[in-house]
Amino acid sequence: MVLELEAVDKVEVISLVDNSVDFLSTVSHKQVQSFWQWTKPKHEHSEVPVAEHGFSMLVKVFNDGKSDSFLFDTGGSPNVVIDNSKIMGLDLSEVGFVVLSHGHYDHFSGLLSVVGKIGKTGLPLIVHEDMFKAHGTALRDGTIRKYPDFPTPLQLQSTQLIFTKQPFLTANRQICVTGEIPRKTSFENGLMQHQTLVNDSWQPDPTIIDDRAIVMNVKNKGLIILSGCAHAGIINTINYAKQSTGIETVYAVLGGFHLAGRGFEAKIAPTLKELTRINPALIAPSHCTGWRAIVAIHQAFPDAFVWNSVGNLYQL
């Protein structure tokens, strides 16, 4: 079934949390401004946002003179979203809902603090049931390195939990949360060491089926796809976004592509081959993509590529 995703006039994305900061390099893409460009002269040089191994984006869609704001992931530490937002002069109380890409700590650790800061009873929180399960990594000696626990439903009782597995339209059908993404490519086979606790027993869980992405459609430009980690594979993610919406043109792809690490670097070449076929006008790989893949993507897309820094503003 093809979704009726409403086209919007414009989308703004602000990088609140990511693995790197770069406030000095020039940004050549006309639709992107660095932290100092769009905040100046609001802040002293001592007041700059920080980077960490985590991810969060503040997104606002504009259409017919109205706007909707939401938060996509909440960083890897309790207060980084709040602290960076304050430095950027952003008001989190304007956030209408929160979407989590998947249940790993570098994407949800600021959730409780953010919910408190937004301060809305019944704040919609779009999740997947697997996010509430315990996750970890299998080490070579057979032990499991357990990840930090996801907040419990009791801790989130002030929110409105919305569980989704299928594509989910929100904000007047202008924003799509993909739901579970089918794994179809031959080379995107997941995180082999990943484990999930099932009935008090650690079980292999390479697919990380709770992984989702955000999809929006900008009038006369095409799809914007935001990925937290792309555990489903960034190509699977893009292809599913196209399939779900019936829209072939991909305008922009931003976020983590998970091409870092010994088990993933062999996937860079086939990923690049498919990305070249897709040919987005803007591509900003970050977080778990890894420097080898990011360099390769820059070489393949010199005009479309943007190095994401915390504080980047994308006006798409």
Protein backbone atom coordinates (compact mmCIF):
# COMPACT_ATOMS: atom_id res chain seq x y z
CA MET A 1 0.00 0.00 0.00
CA VAL A 2 1.31 3.44 -0.97
CA LEU A 3 1.03 6.10 1.73
CA GLU A 4 -0.52 9.47 1.04
CA LEU A 5 2.39 11.51 2.38
CA GLU A 6 1.54 15.19 2.12
CA ALA A 7 4.12 17.40 0.47
CA VAL A 8 5.42 20.35 2.51
CA ASP A 9 6.80 23.74 1.55
CA LYS A 10 10.03 23.50 3.55
CA VAL A 11 11.84 21.44 6.17
CA GLU A 12 14.38 22.72 8.71
CA VAL A 13 16.69 20.30 10.48
CA ILE A 14 19.05 21.28 13.29
CA SER A 15 21.76 18.86 14.41
CA LEU A 16 21.46 18.88 18.21
CA VAL A 17 23.70 15.89 19.01
CA ASP A 18 26.27 14.09 16.89
CA ASN A 19 29.79 12.71 17.07
CA SER A 20 31.62 15.77 15.79
CA VAL A 21 31.78 19.54 15.97
CA ASP A 22 33.44 21.81 13.42
CA PHE A 23 32.66 25.49 13.81
CA LEU A 24 35.54 26.76 11.65
CA SER A 25 35.32 25.05 8.26
CA THR A 26 33.32 26.73 5.53
CA VAL A 27 30.08 25.13 4.36
CA SER A 28 29.69 25.27 0.60
CA HIS A 29 26.15 23.90 0.29
CA LYS A 30 23.77 26.85 -0.01
CA GLN A 31 21.05 25.15 2.04
CA VAL A 32 23.25 24.55 5.09
CA GLN A 33 24.57 26.94 7.73
CA SER A 34 27.04 26.17 10.49
CA PHE A 35 26.42 27.03 14.15
CA TRP A 36 28.17 30.41 14.02
CA GLN A 37 26.41 31.40 10.80
CA TRP A 38 22.81 31.11 11.98
CA THR A 39 23.26 31.91 15.69
CA LYS A 40 25.70 34.82 15.40
CA PRO A 41 25.87 37.19 17.23
CA LYS A 42 23.75 35.58 19.97
CA HIS A 43 26.54 33.80 21.82
CA GLU A 44 29.99 34.35 23.24
CA HIS A 45 32.78 32.13 21.88
CA SER A 46 32.83 30.22 25.16
CA GLU A 47 29.25 29.10 24.59
CA VAL A 48 29.36 26.37 21.99
CA PRO A 49 27.45 23.08 21.75
CA VAL A 50 29.29 19.85 22.42
CA ALA A 51 29.64 16.56 20.55
CA GLU A 52 29.36 13.05 21.91
CA HIS A 53 28.73 9.52 20.67
CA GLY A 54 25.03 10.13 20.26
CA PHE A 55 22.40 11.48 17.92
CA SER A 56 19.50 13.93 17.97
CA MET A 57 17.84 16.19 15.40
CA LEU A 58 15.26 18.92 15.86
CA VAL A 59 12.99 19.00 12.83
CA LYS A 60 10.39 21.54 11.76
CA VAL A 61 8.12 21.21 8.72
CA PHE A 62 6.43 24.23 7.14
CA ASN A 63 3.30 24.12 5.01
CA ASP A 64 0.60 26.64 4.14
CA GLY A 65 1.83 29.10 6.74
CA LYS A 66 1.84 26.54 9.57
CA SER A 67 4.62 24.52 11.16
CA ASP A 68 5.12 21.35 13.19
CA SER A 69 8.23 20.54 15.27
CA PHE A 70 9.47 17.21 16.54
CA LEU A 71 12.56 15.65 18.04
CA PHE A 72 14.22 12.66 16.40
CA ASP A 73 16.28 10.84 19.08
CA THR A 74 17.57 12.35 22.31
CA GLY A 75 21.35 11.88 22.46
CA GLY A 76 23.73 9.64 24.35
CA SER A 77 23.79 11.39 27.75
CA PRO A 78 21.05 12.76 30.00
CA ASN A 79 21.39 16.51 29.46
CA VAL A 80 23.19 17.07 26.15
CA VAL A 81 20.02 17.87 24.17
CA ILE A 82 18.90 20.38 26.79
CA ASP A 83 22.33 22.00 27.12
CA ASN A 84 22.96 22.24 23.36
CA SER A 85 19.44 23.55 22.72
CA LYS A 86 19.95 26.31 25.29
CA ILE A 87 23.24 27.35 23.70
CA MET A 88 21.54 27.41 20.27
CA GLY A 89 18.68 29.52 21.62
CA LEU A 90 16.05 26.85 20.92
CA ASP A 91 12.80 26.43 22.86
CA LEU A 92 12.10 22.73 23.39
CA SER A 93 8.57 23.49 24.63
CA GLU A 94 7.68 23.96 20.95
CA VAL A 95 8.32 20.25 20.27
CA GLY A 96 5.03 18.54 19.43
CA PHE A 97 6.19 14.92 19.60
CA VAL A 98 9.27 12.73 19.89
CA VAL A 99 10.35 9.86 17.64
CA LEU A 100 13.02 7.34 18.62
CA SER A 101 14.93 5.61 15.83
CA HIS A 102 15.69 2.47 17.90
CA GLY A 103 16.37 1.30 21.43
CA HIS A 104 20.11 1.92 21.81
CA TYR A 105 21.44 4.20 24.54
CA ASP A 106 23.19 6.67 22.22
CA HIS A 107 19.76 7.57 20.86
CA PHE A 108 17.56 7.59 23.99
CA SER A 109 19.73 8.55 26.98
CA GLY A 110 18.34 12.10 27.13
CA LEU A 111 14.72 10.99 26.80
CA LEU A 112 13.56 11.46 30.40
CA SER A 113 15.26 14.84 30.71
CA VAL A 114 13.85 15.99 27.38
CA VAL A 115 10.31 14.89 28.25
CA GLY A 116 10.58 16.85 31.49
CA LYS A 117 11.95 19.92 29.72
CA ILE A 118 9.23 19.89 27.04
CA GLY A 119 6.78 19.74 29.92
CA LYS A 120 3.66 18.52 28.12
CA THR A 121 1.37 15.93 29.66
CA GLY A 122 0.50 13.32 27.05
CA LEU A 123 3.45 14.21 24.81
CA PRO A 124 3.29 11.71 21.92
CA LEU A 125 6.31 9.39 21.98
CA ILE A 126 6.57 7.15 18.93
CA VAL A 127 8.33 3.90 19.80
CA HIS A 128 8.58 0.19 18.98
CA GLU A 129 7.93 -2.53 21.56
CA ASP A 130 11.45 -3.95 21.15
CA MET A 131 12.97 -0.72 22.46
CA PHE A 132 11.93 -1.76 25.96
CA LYS A 133 13.93 -5.01 25.79
CA ALA A 134 17.48 -5.36 27.11
CA HIS A 135 20.18 -5.24 24.42
CA GLY A 136 23.90 -5.91 24.36
CA THR A 137 26.96 -6.95 22.39
CA ALA A 138 28.47 -10.44 22.40
CA LEU A 139 32.19 -10.27 23.17
CA ARG A 140 34.82 -12.69 21.93
CA ASP A 141 35.01 -14.48 25.28
CA GLY A 142 31.28 -15.26 25.11
CA THR A 143 30.16 -12.70 27.66
CA ILE A 144 27.58 -10.02 26.93
CA ARG A 145 28.29 -6.32 27.33
CA LYS A 146 24.85 -5.08 28.27
CA TYR A 147 23.69 -1.66 27.07
CA PRO A 148 22.01 0.83 29.42
CA ASP A 149 18.32 0.14 29.97
CA PHE A 150 15.58 1.93 28.07
CA PRO A 151 13.21 3.92 30.33
CA THR A 152 10.29 1.90 31.68
CA PRO A 153 6.64 2.63 30.83
CA LEU A 154 6.24 3.84 34.42
CA GLN A 155 9.03 6.39 33.94
CA LEU A 156 7.31 7.51 30.72
CA GLN A 157 3.81 7.66 32.18
CA SER A 158 3.48 11.38 31.44
CA THR A 159 3.82 10.65 27.70
CA GLN A 160 1.44 9.07 25.22
CA LEU A 161 3.26 5.96 24.02
CA ILE A 162 2.52 5.22 20.37
CA PHE A 163 3.74 1.77 19.28
CA THR A 164 4.33 1.33 15.57
CA LYS A 165 5.57 -1.49 13.35
CA GLN A 166 4.00 -0.32 10.11
CA PRO A 167 4.60 3.05 8.43
CA PHE A 168 2.98 5.74 10.55
CA LEU A 169 1.87 9.16 9.32
CA THR A 170 1.67 12.08 11.75
CA ALA A 171 1.54 15.90 11.76
CA ASN A 172 -1.36 16.03 9.29
CA ARG A 173 0.20 13.26 7.20
CA GLN A 174 3.30 15.38 6.54
CA ILE A 175 5.78 13.14 8.40
CA CYS A 176 6.22 9.40 8.06
CA VAL A 177 7.86 7.12 10.61
CA THR A 178 8.81 4.12 8.49
CA GLY A 179 8.15 1.40 11.05
CA GLU A 180 10.03 -1.88 10.55
CA ILE A 181 12.15 -1.76 7.40
CA PRO A 182 12.36 -4.89 5.21
CA ARG A 183 15.87 -6.24 4.75
CA LYS A 184 16.26 -6.91 1.04
CA THR A 185 19.78 -5.98 -0.10
CA SER A 186 22.36 -8.75 -0.26
CA PHE A 187 25.02 -6.84 1.69
CA GLU A 188 23.10 -5.12 4.52
CA ASN A 189 22.85 -8.02 6.96
CA GLY A 190 22.83 -6.23 10.29
CA LEU A 191 25.03 -6.15 13.39
CA MET A 192 26.26 -9.68 13.92
CA GLN A 193 27.33 -9.27 17.57
CA HIS A 194 24.04 -7.71 18.67
CA GLN A 195 22.03 -9.60 21.30
CA THR A 196 18.60 -9.14 22.87
CA LEU A 197 17.38 -10.58 26.15
CA VAL A 198 14.38 -12.85 25.48
CA ASN A 199 12.77 -14.78 28.37
CA ASP A 200 15.90 -14.23 30.52
CA SER A 201 18.17 -15.61 27.80
CA TRP A 202 20.47 -13.63 25.50
CA GLN A 203 19.60 -14.33 21.87
CA PRO A 204 21.30 -13.21 18.62
CA ASP A 205 19.46 -10.22 17.16
CA PRO A 206 21.48 -8.92 14.20
CA THR A 207 18.55 -7.29 12.39
CA ILE A 208 17.58 -4.86 15.20
CA ILE A 209 14.07 -4.80 13.80
CA ASP A 210 12.99 -1.74 15.83
CA ASP A 211 15.22 0.46 13.64
CA ARG A 212 13.16 3.12 11.84
CA ALA A 213 13.69 6.32 9.85
CA ILE A 214 11.83 9.56 9.17
CA VAL A 215 10.54 10.44 5.70
CA MET A 216 9.22 13.78 4.44
CA ASN A 217 8.36 15.07 0.97
CA VAL A 218 9.27 18.60 -0.10
CA LYS A 219 7.22 20.06 -2.93
CA ASN A 220 9.00 19.89 -6.30
CA LYS A 221 12.15 18.46 -4.68
CA GLY A 222 11.47 14.95 -3.39
CA LEU A 223 12.03 12.88 -0.28
CA ILE A 224 14.05 13.82 2.79
CA ILE A 225 15.17 10.74 4.73
CA LEU A 226 16.53 10.99 8.27
CA SER A 227 18.28 7.94 9.70
CA GLY A 228 19.42 7.39 13.27
CA CYS A 229 21.78 4.45 12.70
CA ALA A 230 20.33 2.65 9.65
CA HIS A 231 20.72 -0.75 11.28
CA ALA A 232 18.35 -1.90 8.53
CA GLY A 233 20.92 -0.62 6.03
CA ILE A 234 20.79 2.84 4.51
CA ILE A 235 19.94 1.44 1.08
CA ASN A 236 17.13 -0.71 2.48
CA THR A 237 15.93 2.39 4.32
CA ILE A 238 15.92 4.61 1.24
CA ASN A 239 14.31 1.95 -0.94
CA TYR A 240 11.56 1.35 1.63
CA ALA A 241 10.91 5.10 1.85
CA LYS A 242 10.48 5.22 -1.91
CA GLN A 243 8.31 2.11 -1.95
CA SER A 244 6.09 3.29 0.91
CA THR A 245 5.46 6.72 -0.57
CA GLY A 246 5.53 5.93 -4.28
CA ILE A 247 7.99 8.81 -4.73
CA GLU A 248 11.18 8.02 -6.63
CA THR A 249 13.14 11.26 -6.26
CA VAL A 250 15.37 11.38 -3.18
CA TYR A 251 16.26 14.96 -2.33
CA ALA A 252 18.29 14.59 0.89
CA VAL A 253 19.62 11.83 3.15
CA LEU A 254 20.95 12.72 6.61
CA GLY A 255 22.09 10.78 9.68
CA GLY A 256 23.90 7.62 10.65
CA PHE A 257 24.59 4.99 7.97
CA HIS A 258 26.42 2.52 10.27
CA LEU A 259 29.35 1.77 7.98
CA ALA A 260 32.04 2.00 10.68
CA GLY A 261 33.89 -0.98 12.09
CA ARG A 262 35.62 -4.10 10.87
CA GLY A 263 32.39 -5.90 10.01
CA PHE A 264 30.95 -2.99 8.03
CA GLU A 265 33.74 -1.40 6.00
CA ALA A 266 33.41 -4.04 3.27
CA LYS A 267 29.89 -2.70 2.73
CA ILE A 268 31.08 0.79 1.80
CA ALA A 269 31.65 -0.03 -1.90
CA PRO A 270 28.25 -1.64 -2.60
CA THR A 271 26.54 1.09 -0.58
CA LEU A 272 28.25 3.76 -2.68
CA LYS A 273 27.20 1.99 -5.86
CA GLU A 274 23.56 2.14 -4.79
CA LEU A 275 23.80 5.69 -3.47
CA THR A 276 25.20 6.78 -6.84
CA ARG A 277 22.15 5.28 -8.51
CA ILE A 278 19.83 7.06 -6.04
CA ASN A 279 21.77 10.33 -6.47
CA PRO A 280 20.47 12.59 -3.67
CA ALA A 281 20.95 16.34 -4.05
CA LEU A 282 22.21 16.57 -0.45
CA ILE A 283 23.86 13.86 1.62
CA ALA A 284 25.09 14.33 5.19
CA PRO A 285 26.37 11.05 6.68
CA SER A 286 27.26 11.24 10.36
CA HIS A 287 27.28 9.51 13.77
CA CYS A 288 28.01 5.80 13.14
CA THR A 289 28.89 6.15 9.45
CA GLY A 290 32.62 6.21 10.19
CA TRP A 291 35.37 8.30 8.65
CA ARG A 292 36.26 5.81 5.92
CA ALA A 293 32.72 5.77 4.56
CA ILE A 294 32.31 9.52 5.00
CA VAL A 295 35.49 10.20 3.00
CA ALA A 296 34.31 7.81 0.27
CA ILE A 297 30.89 9.46 0.14
CA HIS A 298 32.48 12.90 -0.11
CA GLN A 299 34.61 11.73 -3.02
CA ALA A 300 31.58 10.26 -4.78
CA PHE A 301 29.30 13.26 -4.10
CA PRO A 302 31.51 16.36 -3.96
CA ASP A 303 28.65 18.77 -4.62
CA ALA A 304 25.93 17.06 -2.58
CA PHE A 305 28.09 16.17 0.44
CA VAL A 306 27.90 18.05 3.76
CA TRP A 307 30.06 17.29 6.79
CA ASN A 308 27.59 17.29 9.64
CA SER A 309 28.57 19.18 12.75
CA VAL A 310 26.57 19.70 15.91
CA GLY A 311 24.85 23.02 15.32
CA ASN A 312 24.35 22.65 11.56
CA LEU A 313 21.09 24.10 10.26
CA TYR A 314 19.63 22.52 7.12
CA GLN A 315 16.98 24.53 5.26
CA LEU A 316 15.58 22.08 2.76
